[in-house]
Amino acid sequence: MLNKRIIPCLDVRNGKTTKGIKFKDNVDIGDPVAMARFYYNEGADELVFYDITASSDHRSIMLDVVERTAREIFIPFSVGGGIRTVDDMRAVLLAGAEKVSVNTAAVQNPDIIAEGARAFGSQCIVLGMDVKQVEKSDRIPSGYEIVIHGGRTYMGIDALWWAREAENLGAGEICLNSIDADGTGKGYEMTLTRMISEAVNIPVIASGGAGHPQHLFDVLTEAKADAALIASMTHYGHYTVSQIKEYLSDRGVPVRMLW
């Protein structure tokens, strides 16, 4: 069995790492470059960097922060936010990222997934999905709807359909974020994660809600996620990456250890 990955997420706003709950009430908590270096030394398998207001502000991503972060770490590094074109992807990759994450732009122009995969390979293209639970309907049969612009705009697109469509277009990975669970510390959205994990043949990263190592165990085993994104539980010092990995390893989950 492949190792399960533990991936700290750095949401960045105006050059500072920030954290909110359910995409609201964000507060600044640190310097992203310093935090990236800390997590690298802690044994994180990858890092995710999101410029969380680039899309809603209709601006490009802050490449200087990407460049400075990439110089400090030597693990895979995914960057998202404000990426609208293949040229934007190229700029982010040249700045030092190994992967680019497209979310809002992919919903508005799905061809960007295929164009990016042709230009750089599917392994570079991550589909970011921000999802909200809604009433089931003919339009949203799964009961989970795609939301864009940082949780501001409901799109009337079924999450299960969109995950499959993105895989067909060439996405190499899905980062699945539950808006309902985001920042709550009460656990990942298990039903949604398992639904998507079982529906596609590409890796799925669970995101939103981690507060205890048991939550990662649950989502990596019961919900079949390939990786788990973490933020608040380590940003605020409740747990370290090494403590989380030790917890998982002791319970039989294969993870990469530093020792």
C-alpha atoms as a PDB file:
ATOM      1  CA  MET A   1       0.000   0.000   0.000  1.00  0.00           C
ATOM      2  CA  LEU A   2       1.242   3.466  -0.851  1.00  0.00           C
ATOM      3  CA  ASN A   3       2.099   5.774   2.013  1.00  0.00           C
ATOM      4  CA  LYS A   4      -0.648   8.146   3.066  1.00  0.00           C
ATOM      5  CA  ARG A   5       0.403  11.798   2.845  1.00  0.00           C
ATOM      6  CA  ILE A   6       0.046  14.488   5.519  1.00  0.00           C
ATOM      7  CA  ILE A   7      -0.137  17.921   3.906  1.00  0.00           C
ATOM      8  CA  PRO A   8      -0.183  21.202   5.843  1.00  0.00           C
ATOM      9  CA  CYS A   9      -2.167  23.935   4.109  1.00  0.00           C
ATOM     10  CA  LEU A  10      -1.119  27.572   4.128  1.00  0.00           C
ATOM     11  CA  ASP A  11      -3.995  29.896   3.252  1.00  0.00           C
ATOM     12  CA  VAL A  12      -2.392  33.225   2.384  1.00  0.00           C
ATOM     13  CA  ARG A  13      -4.007  36.652   2.301  1.00  0.00           C
ATOM     14  CA  ASN A  14      -2.011  39.848   1.712  1.00  0.00           C
ATOM     15  CA  GLY A  15       1.238  37.944   2.201  1.00  0.00           C
ATOM     16  CA  LYS A  16       0.280  36.444   5.583  1.00  0.00           C
ATOM     17  CA  THR A  17      -0.916  32.976   6.522  1.00  0.00           C
ATOM     18  CA  THR A  18      -4.521  33.221   7.665  1.00  0.00           C
ATOM     19  CA  LYS A  19      -7.163  30.867   9.047  1.00  0.00           C
ATOM     20  CA  GLY A  20     -10.920  31.037   9.346  1.00  0.00           C
ATOM     21  CA  ILE A  21     -13.909  28.834  10.041  1.00  0.00           C
ATOM     22  CA  LYS A  22     -16.177  27.789   7.180  1.00  0.00           C
ATOM     23  CA  PHE A  23     -14.345  30.323   4.961  1.00  0.00           C
ATOM     24  CA  LYS A  24     -15.270  33.238   7.273  1.00  0.00           C
ATOM     25  CA  ASP A  25     -13.732  35.419  10.012  1.00  0.00           C
ATOM     26  CA  ASN A  26     -10.137  34.858   8.934  1.00  0.00           C
ATOM     27  CA  VAL A  27      -7.333  36.013  11.200  1.00  0.00           C
ATOM     28  CA  ASP A  28      -3.647  36.321  10.298  1.00  0.00           C
ATOM     29  CA  ILE A  29      -1.456  33.815  12.116  1.00  0.00           C
ATOM     30  CA  GLY A  30       2.046  33.999  10.662  1.00  0.00           C
ATOM     31  CA  ASP A  31       4.555  34.316   7.862  1.00  0.00           C
ATOM     32  CA  PRO A  32       3.994  31.670   5.155  1.00  0.00           C
ATOM     33  CA  VAL A  33       7.666  31.289   4.322  1.00  0.00           C
ATOM     34  CA  ALA A  34       8.649  30.655   7.945  1.00  0.00           C
ATOM     35  CA  MET A  35       5.717  28.292   8.423  1.00  0.00           C
ATOM     36  CA  ALA A  36       6.606  26.373   5.256  1.00  0.00           C
ATOM     37  CA  ARG A  37      10.174  25.915   6.494  1.00  0.00           C
ATOM     38  CA  PHE A  38       8.888  24.752   9.896  1.00  0.00           C
ATOM     39  CA  TYR A  39       6.558  22.165   8.359  1.00  0.00           C
ATOM     40  CA  TYR A  40       9.268  20.916   6.024  1.00  0.00           C
ATOM     41  CA  ASN A  41      11.576  20.332   9.002  1.00  0.00           C
ATOM     42  CA  GLU A  42       8.687  18.644  10.842  1.00  0.00           C
ATOM     43  CA  GLY A  43       8.368  15.963   8.176  1.00  0.00           C
ATOM     44  CA  ALA A  44       5.404  17.128   6.118  1.00  0.00           C
ATOM     45  CA  ASP A  45       5.063  15.120   2.916  1.00  0.00           C
ATOM     46  CA  GLU A  46       3.888  18.053   0.832  1.00  0.00           C
ATOM     47  CA  LEU A  47       2.667  21.620   1.275  1.00  0.00           C
ATOM     48  CA  VAL A  48      -0.313  23.399  -0.208  1.00  0.00           C
ATOM     49  CA  PHE A  49      -0.283  27.170  -0.661  1.00  0.00           C
ATOM     50  CA  TYR A  50      -3.571  28.961  -1.431  1.00  0.00           C
ATOM     51  CA  ASP A  51      -3.779  32.655  -2.224  1.00  0.00           C
ATOM     52  CA  ILE A  52      -7.350  32.724  -0.945  1.00  0.00           C
ATOM     53  CA  THR A  53      -8.448  36.118  -2.266  1.00  0.00           C
ATOM     54  CA  ALA A  54      -6.721  36.133  -5.661  1.00  0.00           C
ATOM     55  CA  SER A  55      -9.781  34.801  -7.515  1.00  0.00           C
ATOM     56  CA  SER A  56     -12.392  36.906  -5.726  1.00  0.00           C
ATOM     57  CA  ASP A  57     -10.187  40.018  -6.078  1.00  0.00           C
ATOM     58  CA  HIS A  58      -9.620  39.219  -9.778  1.00  0.00           C
ATOM     59  CA  ARG A  59      -5.844  39.473  -9.460  1.00  0.00           C
ATOM     60  CA  SER A  60      -2.832  37.257 -10.102  1.00  0.00           C
ATOM     61  CA  ILE A  61      -1.214  35.121  -7.452  1.00  0.00           C
ATOM     62  CA  MET A  62       1.694  36.601  -5.447  1.00  0.00           C
ATOM     63  CA  LEU A  63       4.633  34.933  -7.162  1.00  0.00           C
ATOM     64  CA  ASP A  64       7.207  36.495  -4.839  1.00  0.00           C
ATOM     65  CA  VAL A  65       5.788  34.555  -1.881  1.00  0.00           C
ATOM     66  CA  VAL A  66       5.794  31.375  -3.977  1.00  0.00           C
ATOM     67  CA  GLU A  67       9.428  31.921  -4.935  1.00  0.00           C
ATOM     68  CA  ARG A  68      10.553  32.614  -1.376  1.00  0.00           C
ATOM     69  CA  THR A  69       8.667  29.593  -0.069  1.00  0.00           C
ATOM     70  CA  ALA A  70      10.036  27.268  -2.744  1.00  0.00           C
ATOM     71  CA  ARG A  71      13.593  28.213  -1.800  1.00  0.00           C
ATOM     72  CA  GLU A  72      13.024  26.999   1.760  1.00  0.00           C
ATOM     73  CA  ILE A  73      11.550  23.534   1.198  1.00  0.00           C
ATOM     74  CA  PHE A  74      12.451  20.384  -0.713  1.00  0.00           C
ATOM     75  CA  ILE A  75       9.146  18.531  -0.826  1.00  0.00           C
ATOM     76  CA  PRO A  76       6.305  18.759  -3.380  1.00  0.00           C
ATOM     77  CA  PHE A  77       4.589  22.138  -3.229  1.00  0.00           C
ATOM     78  CA  SER A  78       1.159  22.871  -4.711  1.00  0.00           C
ATOM     79  CA  VAL A  79      -0.037  26.412  -5.366  1.00  0.00           C
ATOM     80  CA  GLY A  80      -3.527  27.704  -6.066  1.00  0.00           C
ATOM     81  CA  GLY A  81      -5.516  30.903  -6.215  1.00  0.00           C
ATOM     82  CA  GLY A  82      -5.875  33.272  -9.143  1.00  0.00           C
ATOM     83  CA  ILE A  83      -4.644  30.776 -11.745  1.00  0.00           C
ATOM     84  CA  ARG A  84      -6.742  31.372 -14.868  1.00  0.00           C
ATOM     85  CA  THR A  85      -4.567  30.424 -17.848  1.00  0.00           C
ATOM     86  CA  VAL A  86      -1.813  28.061 -18.907  1.00  0.00           C
ATOM     87  CA  ASP A  87       0.564  31.029 -18.745  1.00  0.00           C
ATOM     88  CA  ASP A  88      -0.414  31.512 -15.081  1.00  0.00           C
ATOM     89  CA  MET A  89       0.351  27.835 -14.484  1.00  0.00           C
ATOM     90  CA  ARG A  90       3.710  28.168 -16.178  1.00  0.00           C
ATOM     91  CA  ALA A  91       4.615  31.199 -14.056  1.00  0.00           C
ATOM     92  CA  VAL A  92       3.773  29.355 -10.825  1.00  0.00           C
ATOM     93  CA  LEU A  93       5.753  26.272 -11.854  1.00  0.00           C
ATOM     94  CA  LEU A  94       8.733  28.419 -12.859  1.00  0.00           C
ATOM     95  CA  ALA A  95       8.499  30.149  -9.470  1.00  0.00           C
ATOM     96  CA  GLY A  96       9.195  26.790  -7.827  1.00  0.00           C
ATOM     97  CA  ALA A  97       5.923  24.909  -7.390  1.00  0.00           C
ATOM     98  CA  GLU A  98       5.623  21.271  -8.465  1.00  0.00           C
ATOM     99  CA  LYS A  99       1.832  21.407  -8.898  1.00  0.00           C
ATOM    100  CA  VAL A 100      -0.836  23.978  -9.649  1.00  0.00           C
ATOM    101  CA  SER A 101      -4.328  23.903  -8.176  1.00  0.00           C
ATOM    102  CA  VAL A 102      -7.249  25.245 -10.172  1.00  0.00           C
ATOM    103  CA  ASN A 103     -10.656  25.772  -8.633  1.00  0.00           C
ATOM    104  CA  THR A 104     -12.775  28.758  -9.678  1.00  0.00           C
ATOM    105  CA  ALA A 105     -11.095  29.022 -13.089  1.00  0.00           C
ATOM    106  CA  ALA A 106     -11.683  25.341 -13.821  1.00  0.00           C
ATOM    107  CA  VAL A 107     -15.389  25.608 -13.046  1.00  0.00           C
ATOM    108  CA  GLN A 108     -15.716  28.661 -15.284  1.00  0.00           C
ATOM    109  CA  ASN A 109     -13.497  27.213 -18.033  1.00  0.00           C
ATOM    110  CA  PRO A 110     -13.073  23.424 -17.735  1.00  0.00           C
ATOM    111  CA  ASP A 111     -10.765  23.370 -20.760  1.00  0.00           C
ATOM    112  CA  ILE A 112      -8.010  24.823 -18.577  1.00  0.00           C
ATOM    113  CA  ILE A 113      -7.654  21.384 -16.965  1.00  0.00           C
ATOM    114  CA  ALA A 114      -7.054  19.695 -20.312  1.00  0.00           C
ATOM    115  CA  GLU A 115      -4.801  22.512 -21.534  1.00  0.00           C
ATOM    116  CA  GLY A 116      -2.695  22.348 -18.382  1.00  0.00           C
ATOM    117  CA  ALA A 117      -2.448  18.564 -18.497  1.00  0.00           C
ATOM    118  CA  ARG A 118      -1.270  18.687 -22.129  1.00  0.00           C
ATOM    119  CA  ALA A 119       1.290  21.375 -21.386  1.00  0.00           C
ATOM    120  CA  PHE A 120       2.739  20.085 -18.104  1.00  0.00           C
ATOM    121  CA  GLY A 121       1.350  16.591 -17.491  1.00  0.00           C
ATOM    122  CA  SER A 122      -1.610  15.472 -15.415  1.00  0.00           C
ATOM    123  CA  GLN A 123       0.629  15.030 -12.370  1.00  0.00           C
ATOM    124  CA  CYS A 124       0.951  18.829 -12.192  1.00  0.00           C
ATOM    125  CA  ILE A 125      -2.780  19.598 -12.283  1.00  0.00           C
ATOM    126  CA  VAL A 126      -4.753  19.503  -9.031  1.00  0.00           C
ATOM    127  CA  LEU A 127      -8.476  20.215  -9.057  1.00  0.00           C
ATOM    128  CA  GLY A 128      -9.487  22.160  -5.962  1.00  0.00           C
ATOM    129  CA  MET A 129     -13.136  21.519  -5.076  1.00  0.00           C
ATOM    130  CA  ASP A 130     -14.948  23.676  -2.518  1.00  0.00           C
ATOM    131  CA  VAL A 131     -18.142  21.857  -1.654  1.00  0.00           C
ATOM    132  CA  LYS A 132     -21.267  22.634   0.385  1.00  0.00           C
ATOM    133  CA  GLN A 133     -23.935  20.150   1.437  1.00  0.00           C
ATOM    134  CA  VAL A 134     -27.374  21.081   0.068  1.00  0.00           C
ATOM    135  CA  GLU A 135     -30.738  19.450  -0.434  1.00  0.00           C
ATOM    136  CA  LYS A 136     -30.674  16.680  -3.013  1.00  0.00           C
ATOM    137  CA  SER A 137     -32.359  17.635  -6.281  1.00  0.00           C
ATOM    138  CA  ASP A 138     -32.442  16.697  -9.943  1.00  0.00           C
ATOM    139  CA  ARG A 139     -29.623  19.175 -10.492  1.00  0.00           C
ATOM    140  CA  ILE A 140     -27.604  18.150  -7.410  1.00  0.00           C
ATOM    141  CA  PRO A 141     -28.396  14.437  -6.996  1.00  0.00           C
ATOM    142  CA  SER A 142     -25.463  13.783  -4.639  1.00  0.00           C
ATOM    143  CA  GLY A 143     -26.551  16.533  -2.243  1.00  0.00           C
ATOM    144  CA  TYR A 144     -23.180  18.276  -2.542  1.00  0.00           C
ATOM    145  CA  GLU A 145     -22.773  21.450  -4.603  1.00  0.00           C
ATOM    146  CA  ILE A 146     -19.699  23.143  -6.039  1.00  0.00           C
ATOM    147  CA  VAL A 147     -19.082  26.661  -4.683  1.00  0.00           C
ATOM    148  CA  ILE A 148     -16.472  29.072  -6.064  1.00  0.00           C
ATOM    149  CA  HIS A 149     -14.932  32.483  -5.244  1.00  0.00           C
ATOM    150  CA  GLY A 150     -13.824  31.309  -1.807  1.00  0.00           C
ATOM    151  CA  GLY A 151     -17.236  29.965  -0.851  1.00  0.00           C
ATOM    152  CA  ARG A 152     -19.196  32.935  -2.126  1.00  0.00           C
ATOM    153  CA  THR A 153     -20.858  31.719  -5.328  1.00  0.00           C
ATOM    154  CA  TYR A 154     -23.035  28.609  -5.654  1.00  0.00           C
ATOM    155  CA  MET A 155     -22.739  27.097  -9.127  1.00  0.00           C
ATOM    156  CA  GLY A 156     -25.552  24.557  -9.382  1.00  0.00           C
ATOM    157  CA  ILE A 157     -22.964  21.868 -10.227  1.00  0.00           C
ATOM    158  CA  ASP A 158     -23.041  18.449  -8.590  1.00  0.00           C
ATOM    159  CA  ALA A 159     -19.745  17.658  -6.852  1.00  0.00           C
ATOM    160  CA  LEU A 160     -19.732  13.993  -7.821  1.00  0.00           C
ATOM    161  CA  TRP A 161     -20.288  14.805 -11.493  1.00  0.00           C
ATOM    162  CA  TRP A 162     -17.604  17.486 -11.431  1.00  0.00           C
ATOM    163  CA  ALA A 163     -14.999  15.178  -9.880  1.00  0.00           C
ATOM    164  CA  ARG A 164     -15.519  12.600 -12.614  1.00  0.00           C
ATOM    165  CA  GLU A 165     -15.540  15.234 -15.335  1.00  0.00           C
ATOM    166  CA  ALA A 166     -12.279  16.753 -14.089  1.00  0.00           C
ATOM    167  CA  GLU A 167     -10.603  13.350 -14.100  1.00  0.00           C
ATOM    168  CA  ASN A 168     -11.753  12.812 -17.689  1.00  0.00           C
ATOM    169  CA  LEU A 169     -10.335  16.205 -18.639  1.00  0.00           C
ATOM    170  CA  GLY A 170      -6.910  15.292 -17.259  1.00  0.00           C
ATOM    171  CA  ALA A 171      -6.732  16.353 -13.600  1.00  0.00           C
ATOM    172  CA  GLY A 172      -4.150  14.246 -11.781  1.00  0.00           C
ATOM    173  CA  GLU A 173      -5.420  14.814  -8.259  1.00  0.00           C
ATOM    174  CA  ILE A 174      -8.382  16.269  -6.370  1.00  0.00           C
ATOM    175  CA  CYS A 175      -8.177  18.386  -3.238  1.00  0.00           C
ATOM    176  CA  LEU A 176     -11.648  18.067  -1.739  1.00  0.00           C
ATOM    177  CA  ASN A 177     -12.566  20.763   0.742  1.00  0.00           C
ATOM    178  CA  SER A 178     -15.788  20.669   2.745  1.00  0.00           C
ATOM    179  CA  ILE A 179     -16.897  24.221   3.507  1.00  0.00           C
ATOM    180  CA  ASP A 180     -19.219  22.879   6.216  1.00  0.00           C
ATOM    181  CA  ALA A 181     -16.327  21.216   8.068  1.00  0.00           C
ATOM    182  CA  ASP A 182     -13.596  23.799   7.340  1.00  0.00           C
ATOM    183  CA  GLY A 183     -11.863  25.050  10.479  1.00  0.00           C
ATOM    184  CA  THR A 184     -14.308  23.389  12.872  1.00  0.00           C
ATOM    185  CA  GLY A 185     -11.912  20.793  14.260  1.00  0.00           C
ATOM    186  CA  LYS A 186     -14.771  18.290  14.394  1.00  0.00           C
ATOM    187  CA  GLY A 187     -13.535  15.942  11.691  1.00  0.00           C
ATOM    188  CA  TYR A 188     -13.572  15.632   7.927  1.00  0.00           C
ATOM    189  CA  GLU A 189     -16.765  15.278   5.899  1.00  0.00           C
ATOM    190  CA  MET A 190     -16.655  11.504   5.684  1.00  0.00           C
ATOM    191  CA  THR A 191     -19.654  10.894   3.407  1.00  0.00           C
ATOM    192  CA  LEU A 192     -18.461  13.362   0.794  1.00  0.00           C
ATOM    193  CA  THR A 193     -14.860  12.157   0.906  1.00  0.00           C
ATOM    194  CA  ARG A 194     -15.728   8.498   0.529  1.00  0.00           C
ATOM    195  CA  MET A 195     -18.175   9.272  -2.274  1.00  0.00           C
ATOM    196  CA  ILE A 196     -15.545  11.091  -4.317  1.00  0.00           C
ATOM    197  CA  SER A 197     -12.711   8.680  -3.458  1.00  0.00           C
ATOM    198  CA  GLU A 198     -14.741   5.723  -4.685  1.00  0.00           C
ATOM    199  CA  ALA A 199     -15.892   7.529  -7.835  1.00  0.00           C
ATOM    200  CA  VAL A 200     -12.497   8.465  -9.320  1.00  0.00           C
ATOM    201  CA  ASN A 201      -9.215   6.724 -10.061  1.00  0.00           C
ATOM    202  CA  ILE A 202      -6.940   9.631  -9.143  1.00  0.00           C
ATOM    203  CA  PRO A 203      -5.708  10.539  -5.636  1.00  0.00           C
ATOM    204  CA  VAL A 204      -8.107  12.443  -3.390  1.00  0.00           C
ATOM    205  CA  ILE A 205      -6.850  14.783  -0.663  1.00  0.00           C
ATOM    206  CA  ALA A 206      -9.366  15.259   2.167  1.00  0.00           C
ATOM    207  CA  SER A 207      -9.580  18.828   3.417  1.00  0.00           C
ATOM    208  CA  GLY A 208     -11.557  20.654   6.077  1.00  0.00           C
ATOM    209  CA  GLY A 209     -12.266  19.780   9.685  1.00  0.00           C
ATOM    210  CA  ALA A 210      -9.221  18.034  11.157  1.00  0.00           C
ATOM    211  CA  GLY A 211      -8.877  18.599  14.899  1.00  0.00           C
ATOM    212  CA  HIS A 212      -7.460  15.331  16.250  1.00  0.00           C
ATOM    213  CA  PRO A 213      -5.226  12.610  14.790  1.00  0.00           C
ATOM    214  CA  GLN A 214      -8.192  10.237  14.986  1.00  0.00           C
ATOM    215  CA  HIS A 215      -9.886  12.369  12.322  1.00  0.00           C
ATOM    216  CA  LEU A 216      -7.004  11.692   9.935  1.00  0.00           C
ATOM    217  CA  PHE A 217      -7.103   7.979  10.729  1.00  0.00           C
ATOM    218  CA  ASP A 218     -10.822   7.909   9.957  1.00  0.00           C
ATOM    219  CA  VAL A 219     -10.625   9.767   6.654  1.00  0.00           C
ATOM    220  CA  LEU A 220      -7.555   7.876   5.417  1.00  0.00           C
ATOM    221  CA  THR A 221      -9.032   4.468   6.218  1.00  0.00           C
ATOM    222  CA  GLU A 222     -12.834   4.567   6.305  1.00  0.00           C
ATOM    223  CA  ALA A 223     -13.279   7.325   3.704  1.00  0.00           C
ATOM    224  CA  LYS A 224     -10.404   6.013   1.548  1.00  0.00           C
ATOM    225  CA  ALA A 225      -8.641   9.359   1.060  1.00  0.00           C
ATOM    226  CA  ASP A 226      -5.083   9.192  -0.245  1.00  0.00           C
ATOM    227  CA  ALA A 227      -3.920  12.196   1.760  1.00  0.00           C
ATOM    228  CA  ALA A 228      -5.155  14.545   4.459  1.00  0.00           C
ATOM    229  CA  LEU A 229      -4.815  18.310   4.560  1.00  0.00           C
ATOM    230  CA  ILE A 230      -4.236  19.881   7.970  1.00  0.00           C
ATOM    231  CA  ALA A 231      -4.213  23.485   9.136  1.00  0.00           C
ATOM    232  CA  SER A 232      -5.641  24.669  12.468  1.00  0.00           C
ATOM    233  CA  MET A 233      -4.593  21.614  14.488  1.00  0.00           C
ATOM    234  CA  THR A 234      -0.928  22.238  13.707  1.00  0.00           C
ATOM    235  CA  HIS A 235      -0.979  25.994  13.051  1.00  0.00           C
ATOM    236  CA  TYR A 236      -2.056  26.585  16.650  1.00  0.00           C
ATOM    237  CA  GLY A 237       0.326  24.031  18.142  1.00  0.00           C
ATOM    238  CA  HIS A 238      -2.227  21.463  19.285  1.00  0.00           C
ATOM    239  CA  TYR A 239      -0.298  18.720  17.474  1.00  0.00           C
ATOM    240  CA  THR A 240       2.852  18.399  15.413  1.00  0.00           C
ATOM    241  CA  VAL A 241       3.198  16.612  12.095  1.00  0.00           C
ATOM    242  CA  SER A 242       5.465  14.049  13.742  1.00  0.00           C
ATOM    243  CA  GLN A 243       2.908  13.367  16.495  1.00  0.00           C
ATOM    244  CA  ILE A 244       0.173  12.854  13.895  1.00  0.00           C
ATOM    245  CA  LYS A 245       2.342  10.484  11.881  1.00  0.00           C
ATOM    246  CA  GLU A 246       3.325   8.502  14.958  1.00  0.00           C
ATOM    247  CA  TYR A 247      -0.353   8.154  15.897  1.00  0.00           C
ATOM    248  CA  LEU A 248      -1.210   6.897  12.415  1.00  0.00           C
ATOM    249  CA  SER A 249       1.777   4.564  12.177  1.00  0.00           C
ATOM    250  CA  ASP A 250       0.969   2.977  15.542  1.00  0.00           C
ATOM    251  CA  ARG A 251      -2.481   2.150  14.154  1.00  0.00           C
ATOM    252  CA  GLY A 252      -1.223   0.566  10.979  1.00  0.00           C
ATOM    253  CA  VAL A 253      -1.535   3.449   8.539  1.00  0.00           C
ATOM    254  CA  PRO A 254       1.525   3.572   6.239  1.00  0.00           C
ATOM    255  CA  VAL A 255       3.188   6.998   6.463  1.00  0.00           C
ATOM    256  CA  ARG A 256       6.674   8.312   5.768  1.00  0.00           C
ATOM    257  CA  MET A 257       8.561   8.769   9.028  1.00  0.00           C
ATOM    258  CA  LEU A 258      11.656  10.907   9.587  1.00  0.00           C
ATOM    259  CA  TRP A 259      13.407   8.196  11.569  1.00  0.00           C
END
